[in-house]
Amino acid sequence: MAKITYRSPSGTDTVVEVAAPGTVMRGAKLNNIDGIEAQCGGSAQCGTCHVYIDEANTRPLPPMHESEDDVLYGTASPRRPTSRLSCQLPITDDLDGLLVHLPEKQS
């Protein structure tokens, strides 16, 4: 289980515990976090689970696959160096304390 903090564009933090196996996206959907649409259900095809990893993050994240990289070029909010698809971030104990920033819009 990992505590993930979802920060809205207005600066409001929502902290939820997310169990493995799961993803940062699934944690948001199960806890009704506004700002994660996940229209494709987690298959890295739509880009509506786009998040920005906090710049101060030191937690190990899985490498970005080519398909995730491609989808991030078509997201509704601008891609940044810290952009990831939350459906591609599996929950591990190492992610405990992760802070993700939600973009202004997803679609």
Protein backbone atom coordinates (compact mmCIF):
# COMPACT_ATOMS: atom_id res chain seq x y z
CA MET A 1 0.00 0.00 0.00
CA ALA A 2 1.24 3.49 -0.84
CA LYS A 3 -0.04 6.93 0.10
CA ILE A 4 -0.34 9.03 -3.04
CA THR A 5 -1.02 12.76 -2.95
CA TYR A 6 -3.03 14.21 -5.83
CA ARG A 7 -2.68 18.00 -6.06
CA SER A 8 -5.38 19.83 -8.00
CA PRO A 9 -4.57 22.82 -10.21
CA SER A 10 -5.95 25.05 -7.41
CA GLY A 11 -3.41 23.58 -4.96
CA THR A 12 -5.76 21.35 -2.97
CA ASP A 13 -4.15 18.08 -1.88
CA THR A 14 -6.01 14.79 -1.56
CA VAL A 15 -4.06 11.93 0.00
CA VAL A 16 -5.28 8.38 -0.56
CA GLU A 17 -3.90 4.94 0.16
CA VAL A 18 -3.61 2.85 -2.97
CA ALA A 19 -3.12 -0.90 -2.82
CA ALA A 20 -1.00 -3.01 -5.12
CA PRO A 21 -1.62 -4.29 -7.65
CA GLY A 22 -2.93 -1.05 -8.98
CA THR A 23 -1.77 2.15 -10.57
CA VAL A 24 -1.72 5.81 -9.67
CA MET A 25 -4.63 6.19 -12.12
CA ARG A 26 -6.68 3.43 -10.51
CA GLY A 27 -6.13 4.99 -7.09
CA ALA A 28 -7.53 8.27 -8.40
CA LYS A 29 -10.57 6.63 -9.99
CA LEU A 30 -11.40 4.47 -6.95
CA ASN A 31 -11.21 7.54 -4.72
CA ASN A 32 -13.15 9.91 -6.99
CA ILE A 33 -10.25 12.27 -7.60
CA ASP A 34 -11.36 15.01 -9.99
CA GLY A 35 -8.99 15.56 -12.87
CA ILE A 36 -8.29 11.98 -13.95
CA GLU A 37 -10.66 10.87 -16.70
CA ALA A 38 -8.98 7.64 -17.85
CA GLN A 39 -11.22 7.23 -20.88
CA CYS A 40 -9.30 4.21 -22.21
CA GLY A 41 -9.33 2.44 -18.85
CA GLY A 42 -5.59 2.31 -18.41
CA SER A 43 -4.25 1.06 -21.72
CA ALA A 44 -2.02 4.09 -22.41
CA GLN A 45 -4.00 5.14 -25.46
CA CYS A 46 -5.98 8.28 -24.60
CA GLY A 47 -3.79 10.51 -22.42
CA THR A 48 -6.65 11.50 -20.10
CA CYS A 49 -4.78 10.28 -17.03
CA HIS A 50 -1.89 12.66 -17.63
CA VAL A 51 -0.16 13.89 -14.45
CA TYR A 52 2.93 15.88 -13.59
CA ILE A 53 5.27 14.17 -11.14
CA ASP A 54 6.43 16.61 -8.49
CA GLU A 55 9.81 18.05 -9.45
CA ALA A 56 11.26 17.19 -6.02
CA ASN A 57 10.41 13.49 -6.43
CA THR A 58 13.19 11.06 -5.59
CA ARG A 59 11.09 7.89 -5.69
CA PRO A 60 12.02 5.38 -8.38
CA LEU A 61 9.58 5.35 -11.28
CA PRO A 62 9.46 2.78 -14.05
CA PRO A 63 11.03 3.86 -17.32
CA MET A 64 8.68 5.39 -19.85
CA HIS A 65 7.68 3.06 -22.66
CA GLU A 66 7.59 4.31 -26.24
CA SER A 67 3.77 4.14 -26.37
CA GLU A 68 3.45 6.33 -23.26
CA ASP A 69 5.95 8.78 -24.71
CA ASP A 70 3.93 8.99 -27.94
CA VAL A 71 0.60 9.55 -26.15
CA LEU A 72 2.05 12.34 -24.01
CA TYR A 73 2.63 14.43 -27.14
CA GLY A 74 -1.14 14.61 -27.68
CA THR A 75 -2.42 15.50 -24.21
CA ALA A 76 -4.85 18.38 -23.64
CA SER A 77 -2.51 20.10 -21.18
CA PRO A 78 1.08 20.81 -22.21
CA ARG A 79 3.63 18.08 -21.86
CA ARG A 80 6.42 18.85 -19.38
CA PRO A 81 9.63 17.02 -18.48
CA THR A 82 7.76 15.56 -15.47
CA SER A 83 4.72 14.36 -17.46
CA ARG A 84 3.59 10.76 -17.08
CA LEU A 85 0.46 8.74 -17.72
CA SER A 86 -0.79 7.71 -14.30
CA CYS A 87 -2.01 4.40 -15.76
CA GLN A 88 1.62 3.50 -16.40
CA LEU A 89 2.74 4.00 -12.80
CA PRO A 90 2.20 0.75 -10.90
CA ILE A 91 1.81 0.98 -7.15
CA THR A 92 4.76 -0.30 -5.15
CA ASP A 93 5.92 0.40 -1.61
CA ASP A 94 8.58 2.65 -3.18
CA LEU A 95 5.85 5.06 -4.33
CA ASP A 96 4.66 5.74 -0.78
CA GLY A 97 4.52 9.53 -0.44
CA LEU A 98 4.44 10.28 -4.19
CA LEU A 99 3.01 13.69 -5.11
CA VAL A 100 1.38 14.10 -8.50
CA HIS A 101 0.05 17.37 -9.88
CA LEU A 102 -3.12 17.21 -11.92
CA PRO A 103 -3.17 19.26 -15.13
CA GLU A 104 -5.69 22.02 -15.89
CA LYS A 105 -7.57 19.79 -18.34
CA GLN A 106 -7.52 16.24 -19.67
CA SER A 107 -9.61 16.43 -22.83
